[in-house]
Amino acid sequence: MPASAPSPEAEVLADERRGTLWAAIGRLRDEDREVIGARYLLELSEAETAQTLGLRAGTVKSRTSRALGRLRAVLAEAEGATADD
């Protein structure tokens, strides 16, 4: 059975969430964007990310963790600003 297409409302909400995420990523430091981009946008493994960025695997792991924490903070700030509007 084919999956039903998302409703127009669901598509608008998904577009808004994507826009918010991209804006939040854009507010991160370069090294945060690099590691998040490699791990989650390019879907590279930790080892592949380390090789690509010229880092040790442990450094990739710690940078990813810190970058995701900063991304969460930026997203929470954005949600707070949206809720206040």
PDB file of N, CA and C in Angstrom:
ATOM      1  N   MET A   1       0.849  -1.170   0.000  1.00  0.00           N
ATOM      2  CA  MET A   1       0.000   0.000   0.000  1.00  0.00           C
ATOM      3  C   MET A   1       0.896   1.234   0.000  1.00  0.00           C
ATOM      4  N   PRO A   2       0.699   2.153  -0.949  1.00  0.00           N
ATOM      5  CA  PRO A   2       1.547   3.346  -1.022  1.00  0.00           C
ATOM      6  C   PRO A   2       1.284   4.286   0.151  1.00  0.00           C
ATOM      7  N   ALA A   3       2.331   4.956   0.586  1.00  0.00           N
ATOM      8  CA  ALA A   3       2.190   5.925   1.669  1.00  0.00           C
ATOM      9  C   ALA A   3       1.444   7.145   1.153  1.00  0.00           C
ATOM     10  N   SER A   4       0.612   7.716   2.005  1.00  0.00           N
ATOM     11  CA  SER A   4      -0.128   8.895   1.580  1.00  0.00           C
ATOM     12  C   SER A   4       0.787  10.113   1.629  1.00  0.00           C
ATOM     13  N   ALA A   5       0.519  11.056   0.773  1.00  0.00           N
ATOM     14  CA  ALA A   5       1.313  12.279   0.721  1.00  0.00           C
ATOM     15  C   ALA A   5       1.013  13.115   1.963  1.00  0.00           C
ATOM     16  N   PRO A   6       2.026  13.829   2.471  1.00  0.00           N
ATOM     17  CA  PRO A   6       1.774  14.676   3.636  1.00  0.00           C
ATOM     18  C   PRO A   6       0.806  15.805   3.285  1.00  0.00           C
ATOM     19  N   SER A   7       0.073  16.238   4.269  1.00  0.00           N
ATOM     20  CA  SER A   7      -0.878  17.324   4.049  1.00  0.00           C
ATOM     21  C   SER A   7      -0.114  18.622   3.786  1.00  0.00           C
ATOM     22  N   PRO A   8      -0.769  19.580   3.167  1.00  0.00           N
ATOM     23  CA  PRO A   8      -0.112  20.880   2.949  1.00  0.00           C
ATOM     24  C   PRO A   8       0.347  21.526   4.261  1.00  0.00           C
ATOM     25  N   GLU A   9      -0.449  21.355   5.308  1.00  0.00           N
ATOM     26  CA  GLU A   9      -0.089  21.916   6.605  1.00  0.00           C
ATOM     27  C   GLU A   9       1.180  21.260   7.139  1.00  0.00           C
ATOM     28  N   ALA A  10       1.277  19.937   7.006  1.00  0.00           N
ATOM     29  CA  ALA A  10       2.466  19.216   7.468  1.00  0.00           C
ATOM     30  C   ALA A  10       3.695  19.645   6.674  1.00  0.00           C
ATOM     31  N   GLU A  11       3.528  19.889   5.390  1.00  0.00           N
ATOM     32  CA  GLU A  11       4.651  20.341   4.564  1.00  0.00           C
ATOM     33  C   GLU A  11       5.129  21.726   4.983  1.00  0.00           C
ATOM     34  N   VAL A  12       4.198  22.616   5.293  1.00  0.00           N
ATOM     35  CA  VAL A  12       4.556  23.967   5.741  1.00  0.00           C
ATOM     36  C   VAL A  12       5.309  23.891   7.063  1.00  0.00           C
ATOM     37  N   LEU A  13       4.819  23.086   7.988  1.00  0.00           N
ATOM     38  CA  LEU A  13       5.487  22.939   9.283  1.00  0.00           C
ATOM     39  C   LEU A  13       6.886  22.340   9.122  1.00  0.00           C
ATOM     40  N   ALA A  14       7.009  21.352   8.255  1.00  0.00           N
ATOM     41  CA  ALA A  14       8.317  20.740   8.009  1.00  0.00           C
ATOM     42  C   ALA A  14       9.280  21.761   7.399  1.00  0.00           C
ATOM     43  N   ASP A  15       8.798  22.584   6.480  1.00  0.00           N
ATOM     44  CA  ASP A  15       9.625  23.630   5.879  1.00  0.00           C
ATOM     45  C   ASP A  15      10.075  24.639   6.938  1.00  0.00           C
ATOM     46  N   GLU A  16       9.177  24.999   7.831  1.00  0.00           N
ATOM     47  CA  GLU A  16       9.525  25.938   8.903  1.00  0.00           C
ATOM     48  C   GLU A  16      10.591  25.344   9.818  1.00  0.00           C
ATOM     49  N   ARG A  17      10.428  24.071  10.175  1.00  0.00           N
ATOM     50  CA  ARG A  17      11.426  23.402  11.043  1.00  0.00           C
ATOM     51  C   ARG A  17      12.779  23.336  10.348  1.00  0.00           C
ATOM     52  N   ARG A  18      12.761  23.010   9.058  1.00  0.00           N
ATOM     53  CA  ARG A  18      14.019  22.982   8.298  1.00  0.00           C
ATOM     54  C   ARG A  18      14.675  24.349   8.270  1.00  0.00           C
ATOM     55  N   GLY A  19      13.895  25.370   8.028  1.00  0.00           N
ATOM     56  CA  GLY A  19      14.418  26.736   8.007  1.00  0.00           C
ATOM     57  C   GLY A  19      15.014  27.139   9.343  1.00  0.00           C
ATOM     58  N   THR A  20      14.337  26.778  10.415  1.00  0.00           N
ATOM     59  CA  THR A  20      14.837  27.072  11.757  1.00  0.00           C
ATOM     60  C   THR A  20      16.146  26.340  12.012  1.00  0.00           C
ATOM     61  N   LEU A  21      16.215  25.077  11.606  1.00  0.00           N
ATOM     62  CA  LEU A  21      17.430  24.288  11.798  1.00  0.00           C
ATOM     63  C   LEU A  21      18.588  24.878  11.007  1.00  0.00           C
ATOM     64  N   TRP A  22      18.355  25.215   9.736  1.00  0.00           N
ATOM     65  CA  TRP A  22      19.424  25.794   8.913  1.00  0.00           C
ATOM     66  C   TRP A  22      19.898  27.120   9.482  1.00  0.00           C
ATOM     67  N   ALA A  23      18.967  27.939   9.963  1.00  0.00           N
ATOM     68  CA  ALA A  23      19.351  29.221  10.565  1.00  0.00           C
ATOM     69  C   ALA A  23      20.195  28.991  11.816  1.00  0.00           C
ATOM     70  N   ALA A  24      19.817  27.999  12.619  1.00  0.00           N
ATOM     71  CA  ALA A  24      20.576  27.690  13.832  1.00  0.00           C
ATOM     72  C   ALA A  24      21.971  27.175  13.485  1.00  0.00           C
ATOM     73  N   ILE A  25      22.074  26.321  12.495  1.00  0.00           N
ATOM     74  CA  ILE A  25      23.379  25.823  12.059  1.00  0.00           C
ATOM     75  C   ILE A  25      24.242  26.985  11.575  1.00  0.00           C
ATOM     76  N   GLY A  26      23.636  27.921  10.881  1.00  0.00           N
ATOM     77  CA  GLY A  26      24.359  29.080  10.394  1.00  0.00           C
ATOM     78  C   GLY A  26      24.913  29.968  11.497  1.00  0.00           C
ATOM     79  N   ARG A  27      24.340  29.886  12.681  1.00  0.00           N
ATOM     80  CA  ARG A  27      24.811  30.690  13.808  1.00  0.00           C
ATOM     81  C   ARG A  27      25.959  30.028  14.573  1.00  0.00           C
ATOM     82  N   LEU A  28      26.270  28.777  14.248  1.00  0.00           N
ATOM     83  CA  LEU A  28      27.351  28.066  14.932  1.00  0.00           C
ATOM     84  C   LEU A  28      28.719  28.504  14.418  1.00  0.00           C
ATOM     85  N   ARG A  29      29.732  28.183  15.185  1.00  0.00           N
ATOM     86  CA  ARG A  29      31.112  28.439  14.763  1.00  0.00           C
ATOM     87  C   ARG A  29      31.450  27.533  13.584  1.00  0.00           C
ATOM     88  N   ASP A  30      32.452  27.935  12.814  1.00  0.00           N
ATOM     89  CA  ASP A  30      32.857  27.157  11.640  1.00  0.00           C
ATOM     90  C   ASP A  30      33.171  25.707  11.987  1.00  0.00           C
ATOM     91  N   GLU A  31      33.943  25.485  13.044  1.00  0.00           N
ATOM     92  CA  GLU A  31      34.325  24.104  13.382  1.00  0.00           C
ATOM     93  C   GLU A  31      33.107  23.276  13.786  1.00  0.00           C
ATOM     94  N   ASP A  32      32.117  23.915  14.396  1.00  0.00           N
ATOM     95  CA  ASP A  32      30.878  23.198  14.741  1.00  0.00           C
ATOM     96  C   ASP A  32      30.117  22.824  13.483  1.00  0.00           C
ATOM     97  N   ARG A  33      30.011  23.771  12.551  1.00  0.00           N
ATOM     98  CA  ARG A  33      29.309  23.486  11.283  1.00  0.00           C
ATOM     99  C   ARG A  33      30.021  22.391  10.505  1.00  0.00           C
ATOM    100  N   GLU A  34      31.354  22.417  10.508  1.00  0.00           N
ATOM    101  CA  GLU A  34      32.116  21.394   9.773  1.00  0.00           C
ATOM    102  C   GLU A  34      31.820  19.996  10.302  1.00  0.00           C
ATOM    103  N   VAL A  35      31.897  19.826  11.613  1.00  0.00           N
ATOM    104  CA  VAL A  35      31.720  18.488  12.171  1.00  0.00           C
ATOM    105  C   VAL A  35      30.262  18.028  12.061  1.00  0.00           C
ATOM    106  N   ILE A  36      29.316  18.932  12.288  1.00  0.00           N
ATOM    107  CA  ILE A  36      27.901  18.559  12.134  1.00  0.00           C
ATOM    108  C   ILE A  36      27.597  18.249  10.674  1.00  0.00           C
ATOM    109  N   GLY A  37      28.139  19.058   9.777  1.00  0.00           N
ATOM    110  CA  GLY A  37      27.926  18.812   8.352  1.00  0.00           C
ATOM    111  C   GLY A  37      28.475  17.468   7.914  1.00  0.00           C
ATOM    112  N   ALA A  38      29.683  17.152   8.364  1.00  0.00           N
ATOM    113  CA  ALA A  38      30.301  15.885   7.972  1.00  0.00           C
ATOM    114  C   ALA A  38      29.529  14.695   8.547  1.00  0.00           C
ATOM    115  N   ARG A  39      29.182  14.787   9.841  1.00  0.00           N
ATOM    116  CA  ARG A  39      28.548  13.638  10.499  1.00  0.00           C
ATOM    117  C   ARG A  39      27.094  13.442  10.074  1.00  0.00           C
ATOM    118  N   TYR A  40      26.330  14.531  10.000  1.00  0.00           N
ATOM    119  CA  TYR A  40      24.891  14.367   9.829  1.00  0.00           C
ATOM    120  C   TYR A  40      24.373  14.750   8.450  1.00  0.00           C
ATOM    121  N   LEU A  41      25.022  15.670   7.787  1.00  0.00           N
ATOM    122  CA  LEU A  41      24.556  16.036   6.450  1.00  0.00           C
ATOM    123  C   LEU A  41      25.200  15.152   5.385  1.00  0.00           C
ATOM    124  N   LEU A  42      26.502  14.900   5.545  1.00  0.00           N
ATOM    125  CA  LEU A  42      27.189  14.000   4.613  1.00  0.00           C
ATOM    126  C   LEU A  42      27.127  12.543   5.065  1.00  0.00           C
ATOM    127  N   GLU A  43      26.680  12.332   6.296  1.00  0.00           N
ATOM    128  CA  GLU A  43      26.530  10.997   6.896  1.00  0.00           C
ATOM    129  C   GLU A  43      27.849  10.222   6.925  1.00  0.00           C
ATOM    130  N   LEU A  44      28.946  10.934   7.247  1.00  0.00           N
ATOM    131  CA  LEU A  44      30.240  10.267   7.387  1.00  0.00           C
ATOM    132  C   LEU A  44      30.342   9.656   8.776  1.00  0.00           C
ATOM    133  N   SER A  45      31.072   8.561   8.872  1.00  0.00           N
ATOM    134  CA  SER A  45      31.327   7.952  10.173  1.00  0.00           C
ATOM    135  C   SER A  45      32.303   8.841  10.943  1.00  0.00           C
ATOM    136  N   GLU A  46      32.519   8.524  12.223  1.00  0.00           N
ATOM    137  CA  GLU A  46      33.513   9.277  12.992  1.00  0.00           C
ATOM    138  C   GLU A  46      34.887   9.155  12.340  1.00  0.00           C
ATOM    139  N   ALA A  47      35.234   7.954  11.919  1.00  0.00           N
ATOM    140  CA  ALA A  47      36.547   7.731  11.292  1.00  0.00           C
ATOM    141  C   ALA A  47      36.669   8.513   9.990  1.00  0.00           C
ATOM    142  N   GLU A  48      35.621   8.501   9.172  1.00  0.00           N
ATOM    143  CA  GLU A  48      35.648   9.240   7.910  1.00  0.00           C
ATOM    144  C   GLU A  48      35.715  10.748   8.158  1.00  0.00           C
ATOM    145  N   THR A  49      34.988  11.201   9.165  1.00  0.00           N
ATOM    146  CA  THR A  49      35.011  12.619   9.512  1.00  0.00           C
ATOM    147  C   THR A  49      36.402  13.019   9.983  1.00  0.00           C
ATOM    148  N   ALA A  50      36.997  12.179  10.812  1.00  0.00           N
ATOM    149  CA  ALA A  50      38.348  12.458  11.309  1.00  0.00           C
ATOM    150  C   ALA A  50      39.333  12.569  10.145  1.00  0.00           C
ATOM    151  N   GLN A  51      39.253  11.644   9.239  1.00  0.00           N
ATOM    152  CA  GLN A  51      40.155  11.652   8.088  1.00  0.00           C
ATOM    153  C   GLN A  51      39.904  12.890   7.221  1.00  0.00           C
ATOM    154  N   THR A  52      38.660  13.189   6.967  1.00  0.00           N
ATOM    155  CA  THR A  52      38.297  14.323   6.115  1.00  0.00           C
ATOM    156  C   THR A  52      38.739  15.656   6.716  1.00  0.00           C
ATOM    157  N   LEU A  53      38.542  15.801   8.035  1.00  0.00           N
ATOM    158  CA  LEU A  53      38.863  17.064   8.693  1.00  0.00           C
ATOM    159  C   LEU A  53      40.289  17.103   9.244  1.00  0.00           C
ATOM    160  N   GLY A  54      41.005  15.987   9.121  1.00  0.00           N
ATOM    161  CA  GLY A  54      42.374  15.936   9.627  1.00  0.00           C
ATOM    162  C   GLY A  54      42.450  15.974  11.139  1.00  0.00           C
ATOM    163  N   LEU A  55      41.513  15.291  11.788  1.00  0.00           N
ATOM    164  CA  LEU A  55      41.435  15.260  13.245  1.00  0.00           C
ATOM    165  C   LEU A  55      41.545  13.833  13.751  1.00  0.00           C
ATOM    166  N   ARG A  56      41.767  13.691  15.036  1.00  0.00           N
ATOM    167  CA  ARG A  56      41.713  12.368  15.663  1.00  0.00           C
ATOM    168  C   ARG A  56      40.250  11.994  15.893  1.00  0.00           C
ATOM    169  N   ALA A  57      39.980  10.700  15.920  1.00  0.00           N
ATOM    170  CA  ALA A  57      38.595  10.236  16.105  1.00  0.00           C
ATOM    171  C   ALA A  57      38.018  10.746  17.422  1.00  0.00           C
ATOM    172  N   GLY A  58      38.813  10.750  18.468  1.00  0.00           N
ATOM    173  CA  GLY A  58      38.341  11.254  19.764  1.00  0.00           C
ATOM    174  C   GLY A  58      37.992  12.728  19.709  1.00  0.00           C
ATOM    175  N   THR A  59      38.748  13.478  18.934  1.00  0.00           N
ATOM    176  CA  THR A  59      38.467  14.901  18.765  1.00  0.00           C
ATOM    177  C   THR A  59      37.147  15.095  18.030  1.00  0.00           C
ATOM    178  N   VAL A  60      36.910  14.269  17.025  1.00  0.00           N
ATOM    179  CA  VAL A  60      35.634  14.336  16.300  1.00  0.00           C
ATOM    180  C   VAL A  60      34.485  14.048  17.251  1.00  0.00           C
ATOM    181  N   LYS A  61      34.644  13.041  18.092  1.00  0.00           N
ATOM    182  CA  LYS A  61      33.589  12.663  19.028  1.00  0.00           C
ATOM    183  C   LYS A  61      33.286  13.813  19.995  1.00  0.00           C
ATOM    184  N   SER A  62      34.324  14.414  20.559  1.00  0.00           N
ATOM    185  CA  SER A  62      34.101  15.497  21.519  1.00  0.00           C
ATOM    186  C   SER A  62      33.569  16.752  20.824  1.00  0.00           C
ATOM    187  N   ARG A  63      34.099  17.081  19.651  1.00  0.00           N
ATOM    188  CA  ARG A  63      33.594  18.258  18.928  1.00  0.00           C
ATOM    189  C   ARG A  63      32.140  18.076  18.521  1.00  0.00           C
ATOM    190  N   THR A  64      31.789  16.858  18.111  1.00  0.00           N
ATOM    191  CA  THR A  64      30.398  16.588  17.734  1.00  0.00           C
ATOM    192  C   THR A  64      29.481  16.794  18.929  1.00  0.00           C
ATOM    193  N   SER A  65      29.886  16.268  20.068  1.00  0.00           N
ATOM    194  CA  SER A  65      29.076  16.406  21.275  1.00  0.00           C
ATOM    195  C   SER A  65      28.900  17.869  21.658  1.00  0.00           C
ATOM    196  N   ARG A  66      29.987  18.622  21.665  1.00  0.00           N
ATOM    197  CA  ARG A  66      29.907  20.045  22.020  1.00  0.00           C
ATOM    198  C   ARG A  66      29.100  20.828  20.982  1.00  0.00           C
ATOM    199  N   ALA A  67      29.298  20.519  19.709  1.00  0.00           N
ATOM    200  CA  ALA A  67      28.573  21.225  18.647  1.00  0.00           C
ATOM    201  C   ALA A  67      27.073  20.963  18.742  1.00  0.00           C
ATOM    202  N   LEU A  68      26.697  19.733  19.039  1.00  0.00           N
ATOM    203  CA  LEU A  68      25.271  19.420  19.181  1.00  0.00           C
ATOM    204  C   LEU A  68      24.679  20.139  20.389  1.00  0.00           C
ATOM    205  N   GLY A  69      25.459  20.246  21.456  1.00  0.00           N
ATOM    206  CA  GLY A  69      24.995  20.999  22.626  1.00  0.00           C
ATOM    207  C   GLY A  69      24.765  22.462  22.292  1.00  0.00           C
ATOM    208  N   ARG A  70      25.699  23.060  21.539  1.00  0.00           N
ATOM    209  CA  ARG A  70      25.525  24.457  21.138  1.00  0.00           C
ATOM    210  C   ARG A  70      24.339  24.601  20.180  1.00  0.00           C
ATOM    211  N   LEU A  71      24.162  23.629  19.289  1.00  0.00           N
ATOM    212  CA  LEU A  71      23.028  23.674  18.366  1.00  0.00           C
ATOM    213  C   LEU A  71      21.712  23.599  19.139  1.00  0.00           C
ATOM    214  N   ARG A  72      21.646  22.728  20.140  1.00  0.00           N
ATOM    215  CA  ARG A  72      20.435  22.636  20.966  1.00  0.00           C
ATOM    216  C   ARG A  72      20.140  23.980  21.639  1.00  0.00           C
ATOM    217  N   ALA A  73      21.192  24.630  22.141  1.00  0.00           N
ATOM    218  CA  ALA A  73      21.015  25.919  22.818  1.00  0.00           C
ATOM    219  C   ALA A  73      20.493  26.976  21.844  1.00  0.00           C
ATOM    220  N   VAL A  74      21.048  27.011  20.639  1.00  0.00           N
ATOM    221  CA  VAL A  74      20.602  27.984  19.632  1.00  0.00           C
ATOM    222  C   VAL A  74      19.148  27.699  19.256  1.00  0.00           C
ATOM    223  N   LEU A  75      18.805  26.426  19.095  1.00  0.00           N
ATOM    224  CA  LEU A  75      17.423  26.074  18.750  1.00  0.00           C
ATOM    225  C   LEU A  75      16.463  26.428  19.881  1.00  0.00           C
ATOM    226  N   ALA A  76      16.877  26.197  21.130  1.00  0.00           N
ATOM    227  CA  ALA A  76      16.027  26.544  22.270  1.00  0.00           C
ATOM    228  C   ALA A  76      15.818  28.052  22.325  1.00  0.00           C
ATOM    229  N   GLU A  77      16.870  28.812  22.050  1.00  0.00           N
ATOM    230  CA  GLU A  77      16.776  30.268  22.019  1.00  0.00           C
ATOM    231  C   GLU A  77      15.812  30.700  20.906  1.00  0.00           C
ATOM    232  N   ALA A  78      15.912  30.071  19.752  1.00  0.00           N
ATOM    233  CA  ALA A  78      15.025  30.392  18.633  1.00  0.00           C
ATOM    234  C   ALA A  78      13.578  30.061  18.978  1.00  0.00           C
ATOM    235  N   GLU A  79      13.358  28.941  19.637  1.00  0.00           N
ATOM    236  CA  GLU A  79      11.997  28.572  20.022  1.00  0.00           C
ATOM    237  C   GLU A  79      11.443  29.555  21.038  1.00  0.00           C
ATOM    238  N   GLY A  80      12.303  29.998  21.963  1.00  0.00           N
ATOM    239  CA  GLY A  80      11.881  30.990  22.950  1.00  0.00           C
ATOM    240  C   GLY A  80      11.501  32.301  22.302  1.00  0.00           C
ATOM    241  N   ALA A  81      12.278  32.709  21.310  1.00  0.00           N
ATOM    242  CA  ALA A  81      11.987  33.953  20.592  1.00  0.00           C
ATOM    243  C   ALA A  81      10.688  33.826  19.821  1.00  0.00           C
ATOM    244  N   THR A  82      10.445  32.655  19.231  1.00  0.00           N
ATOM    245  CA  THR A  82       9.211  32.433  18.482  1.00  0.00           C
ATOM    246  C   THR A  82       8.010  32.437  19.406  1.00  0.00           C
ATOM    247  N   ALA A  83       8.167  31.829  20.586  1.00  0.00           N
ATOM    248  CA  ALA A  83       7.075  31.778  21.539  1.00  0.00           C
ATOM    249  C   ALA A  83       6.738  33.164  22.089  1.00  0.00           C
ATOM    250  N   ASP A  84       7.753  34.037  22.171  1.00  0.00           N
ATOM    251  CA  ASP A  84       7.549  35.383  22.691  1.00  0.00           C
ATOM    252  C   ASP A  84       6.916  36.321  21.665  1.00  0.00           C
ATOM    253  N   ASP A  85       7.005  35.972  20.385  1.00  0.00           N
ATOM    254  CA  ASP A  85       6.495  36.852  19.319  1.00  0.00           C
ATOM    255  C   ASP A  85       4.997  36.932  19.318  1.00  0.00           C
TER     256      ASP A  85
END
